[in-house]
Amino acid sequence: MAKNAQAAEFLLIKERIVAFNEMAKNPSKDKIIIPYETSEFIGGLSVIKDFLRKNEK
């Protein structure tokens, strides 16, 4: 990892794939996987919505 900055990213992605495979083995049909970036984006939208509401008053 000291010689290649992408090595750590590769290892993290590899672990994510293992985790997703384990979740997929669960027979439950009521699960949703949302990437972190998506949830961060949605959170940002709610902050903007609250800001706009405050400015309307």
N, C-alpha and C. Protein backbone atom coordinates (compact mmCIF):
# COMPACT_ATOMS: atom_id res chain seq x y z
N MET A 1 0.82 -1.19 0.00
CA MET A 1 0.00 0.00 0.00
C MET A 1 0.87 1.26 0.00
N ALA A 2 2.04 1.16 0.53
CA ALA A 2 2.92 2.33 0.54
C ALA A 2 3.36 2.71 -0.88
N LYS A 3 3.46 1.73 -1.76
CA LYS A 3 3.90 2.00 -3.13
C LYS A 3 2.75 2.27 -4.08
N ASN A 4 1.54 1.83 -3.70
CA ASN A 4 0.38 2.00 -4.58
C ASN A 4 -0.81 2.45 -3.76
N ALA A 5 -1.21 3.70 -3.96
CA ALA A 5 -2.31 4.28 -3.18
C ALA A 5 -3.64 3.57 -3.43
N GLN A 6 -3.78 2.92 -4.57
CA GLN A 6 -5.03 2.25 -4.89
C GLN A 6 -5.16 0.88 -4.22
N ALA A 7 -4.12 0.41 -3.61
CA ALA A 7 -4.16 -0.91 -2.97
C ALA A 7 -5.17 -0.94 -1.83
N ALA A 8 -5.20 0.10 -1.00
CA ALA A 8 -6.15 0.15 0.11
C ALA A 8 -7.58 0.20 -0.41
N GLU A 9 -7.79 0.99 -1.46
CA GLU A 9 -9.13 1.09 -2.06
C GLU A 9 -9.57 -0.27 -2.61
N PHE A 10 -8.64 -0.98 -3.24
CA PHE A 10 -8.94 -2.31 -3.76
C PHE A 10 -9.37 -3.25 -2.64
N LEU A 11 -8.64 -3.23 -1.53
CA LEU A 11 -8.97 -4.11 -0.41
C LEU A 11 -10.34 -3.78 0.18
N LEU A 12 -10.67 -2.51 0.27
CA LEU A 12 -11.98 -2.11 0.79
C LEU A 12 -13.10 -2.58 -0.15
N ILE A 13 -12.91 -2.42 -1.43
CA ILE A 13 -13.92 -2.84 -2.40
C ILE A 13 -14.08 -4.36 -2.36
N LYS A 14 -12.98 -5.05 -2.22
CA LYS A 14 -13.03 -6.51 -2.13
C LYS A 14 -13.85 -6.95 -0.91
N GLU A 15 -13.67 -6.28 0.21
CA GLU A 15 -14.44 -6.60 1.42
C GLU A 15 -15.92 -6.26 1.24
N ARG A 16 -16.21 -5.18 0.53
CA ARG A 16 -17.62 -4.83 0.25
C ARG A 16 -18.30 -5.91 -0.56
N ILE A 17 -17.60 -6.43 -1.54
CA ILE A 17 -18.16 -7.49 -2.38
C ILE A 17 -18.48 -8.71 -1.54
N VAL A 18 -17.58 -9.07 -0.64
CA VAL A 18 -17.81 -10.21 0.25
C VAL A 18 -19.05 -9.95 1.10
N ALA A 19 -19.17 -8.73 1.64
CA ALA A 19 -20.32 -8.39 2.48
C ALA A 19 -21.62 -8.44 1.68
N PHE A 20 -21.62 -7.92 0.46
CA PHE A 20 -22.83 -7.96 -0.36
C PHE A 20 -23.22 -9.39 -0.69
N ASN A 21 -22.24 -10.23 -0.95
CA ASN A 21 -22.53 -11.64 -1.21
C ASN A 21 -23.18 -12.30 0.00
N GLU A 22 -22.71 -11.98 1.18
CA GLU A 22 -23.31 -12.55 2.40
C GLU A 22 -24.75 -12.06 2.58
N MET A 23 -24.98 -10.78 2.30
CA MET A 23 -26.36 -10.25 2.41
C MET A 23 -27.26 -10.90 1.38
N ALA A 24 -26.74 -11.17 0.21
CA ALA A 24 -27.54 -11.78 -0.86
C ALA A 24 -27.96 -13.20 -0.50
N LYS A 25 -27.21 -13.87 0.35
CA LYS A 25 -27.55 -15.23 0.76
C LYS A 25 -28.77 -15.26 1.68
N ASN A 26 -29.09 -14.14 2.29
CA ASN A 26 -30.23 -14.04 3.19
C ASN A 26 -31.51 -14.21 2.37
N PRO A 27 -32.40 -15.13 2.78
CA PRO A 27 -33.61 -15.39 1.98
C PRO A 27 -34.65 -14.26 2.03
N SER A 28 -34.47 -13.30 2.89
CA SER A 28 -35.42 -12.20 3.02
C SER A 28 -35.54 -11.44 1.70
N LYS A 29 -36.76 -11.11 1.32
CA LYS A 29 -37.00 -10.38 0.07
C LYS A 29 -37.18 -8.88 0.31
N ASP A 30 -37.19 -8.47 1.56
CA ASP A 30 -37.47 -7.06 1.86
C ASP A 30 -36.22 -6.32 2.32
N LYS A 31 -35.22 -6.28 1.46
CA LYS A 31 -34.01 -5.53 1.77
C LYS A 31 -33.66 -4.63 0.60
N ILE A 32 -33.14 -3.48 0.94
CA ILE A 32 -32.72 -2.51 -0.07
C ILE A 32 -31.31 -2.09 0.28
N ILE A 33 -30.44 -2.08 -0.70
CA ILE A 33 -29.07 -1.64 -0.48
C ILE A 33 -28.91 -0.30 -1.19
N ILE A 34 -28.54 0.71 -0.40
CA ILE A 34 -28.36 2.05 -0.95
C ILE A 34 -26.89 2.43 -0.79
N PRO A 35 -26.22 2.75 -1.87
CA PRO A 35 -24.81 3.15 -1.75
C PRO A 35 -24.67 4.38 -0.86
N TYR A 36 -23.57 4.46 -0.14
CA TYR A 36 -23.33 5.58 0.77
C TYR A 36 -23.45 6.92 0.06
N GLU A 37 -22.93 7.01 -1.13
CA GLU A 37 -22.96 8.27 -1.86
C GLU A 37 -24.40 8.74 -2.09
N THR A 38 -25.31 7.79 -2.34
CA THR A 38 -26.71 8.14 -2.55
C THR A 38 -27.33 8.67 -1.27
N SER A 39 -27.07 8.01 -0.16
CA SER A 39 -27.65 8.47 1.10
C SER A 39 -27.08 9.82 1.50
N GLU A 40 -25.81 10.06 1.19
CA GLU A 40 -25.20 11.36 1.47
C GLU A 40 -25.88 12.45 0.63
N PHE A 41 -26.17 12.15 -0.63
CA PHE A 41 -26.83 13.08 -1.53
C PHE A 41 -28.24 13.42 -1.02
N ILE A 42 -28.97 12.39 -0.60
CA ILE A 42 -30.32 12.59 -0.08
C ILE A 42 -30.28 13.45 1.18
N GLY A 43 -29.30 13.19 2.03
CA GLY A 43 -29.14 14.00 3.24
C GLY A 43 -28.89 15.45 2.90
N GLY A 44 -28.08 15.68 1.88
CA GLY A 44 -27.80 17.05 1.45
C GLY A 44 -29.05 17.74 0.93
N LEU A 45 -29.90 17.00 0.23
CA LEU A 45 -31.15 17.57 -0.26
C LEU A 45 -32.06 17.98 0.88
N SER A 46 -32.10 17.20 1.94
CA SER A 46 -32.96 17.56 3.07
C SER A 46 -32.46 18.82 3.76
N VAL A 47 -31.15 19.01 3.81
CA VAL A 47 -30.60 20.24 4.39
C VAL A 47 -31.00 21.45 3.54
N ILE A 48 -30.91 21.30 2.23
CA ILE A 48 -31.30 22.40 1.33
C ILE A 48 -32.79 22.69 1.47
N LYS A 49 -33.61 21.65 1.58
CA LYS A 49 -35.05 21.83 1.74
C LYS A 49 -35.35 22.61 3.02
N ASP A 50 -34.71 22.23 4.12
CA ASP A 50 -34.92 22.95 5.38
C ASP A 50 -34.47 24.39 5.28
N PHE A 51 -33.36 24.63 4.60
CA PHE A 51 -32.85 25.99 4.42
C PHE A 51 -33.85 26.82 3.63
N LEU A 52 -34.40 26.28 2.56
CA LEU A 52 -35.35 27.01 1.74
C LEU A 52 -36.64 27.30 2.50
N ARG A 53 -37.07 26.37 3.33
CA ARG A 53 -38.28 26.59 4.13
C ARG A 53 -38.08 27.74 5.10
N LYS A 54 -36.91 27.80 5.71
CA LYS A 54 -36.63 28.88 6.67
C LYS A 54 -36.62 30.23 5.98
N ASN A 55 -36.14 30.27 4.74
CA ASN A 55 -36.07 31.52 4.00
C ASN A 55 -37.43 31.97 3.48
N GLU A 56 -38.40 31.07 3.39
CA GLU A 56 -39.74 31.44 2.93
C GLU A 56 -40.49 32.22 4.00
N LYS A 57 -40.16 32.00 5.25
CA LYS A 57 -40.88 32.63 6.36
C LYS A 57 -40.54 34.06 6.57
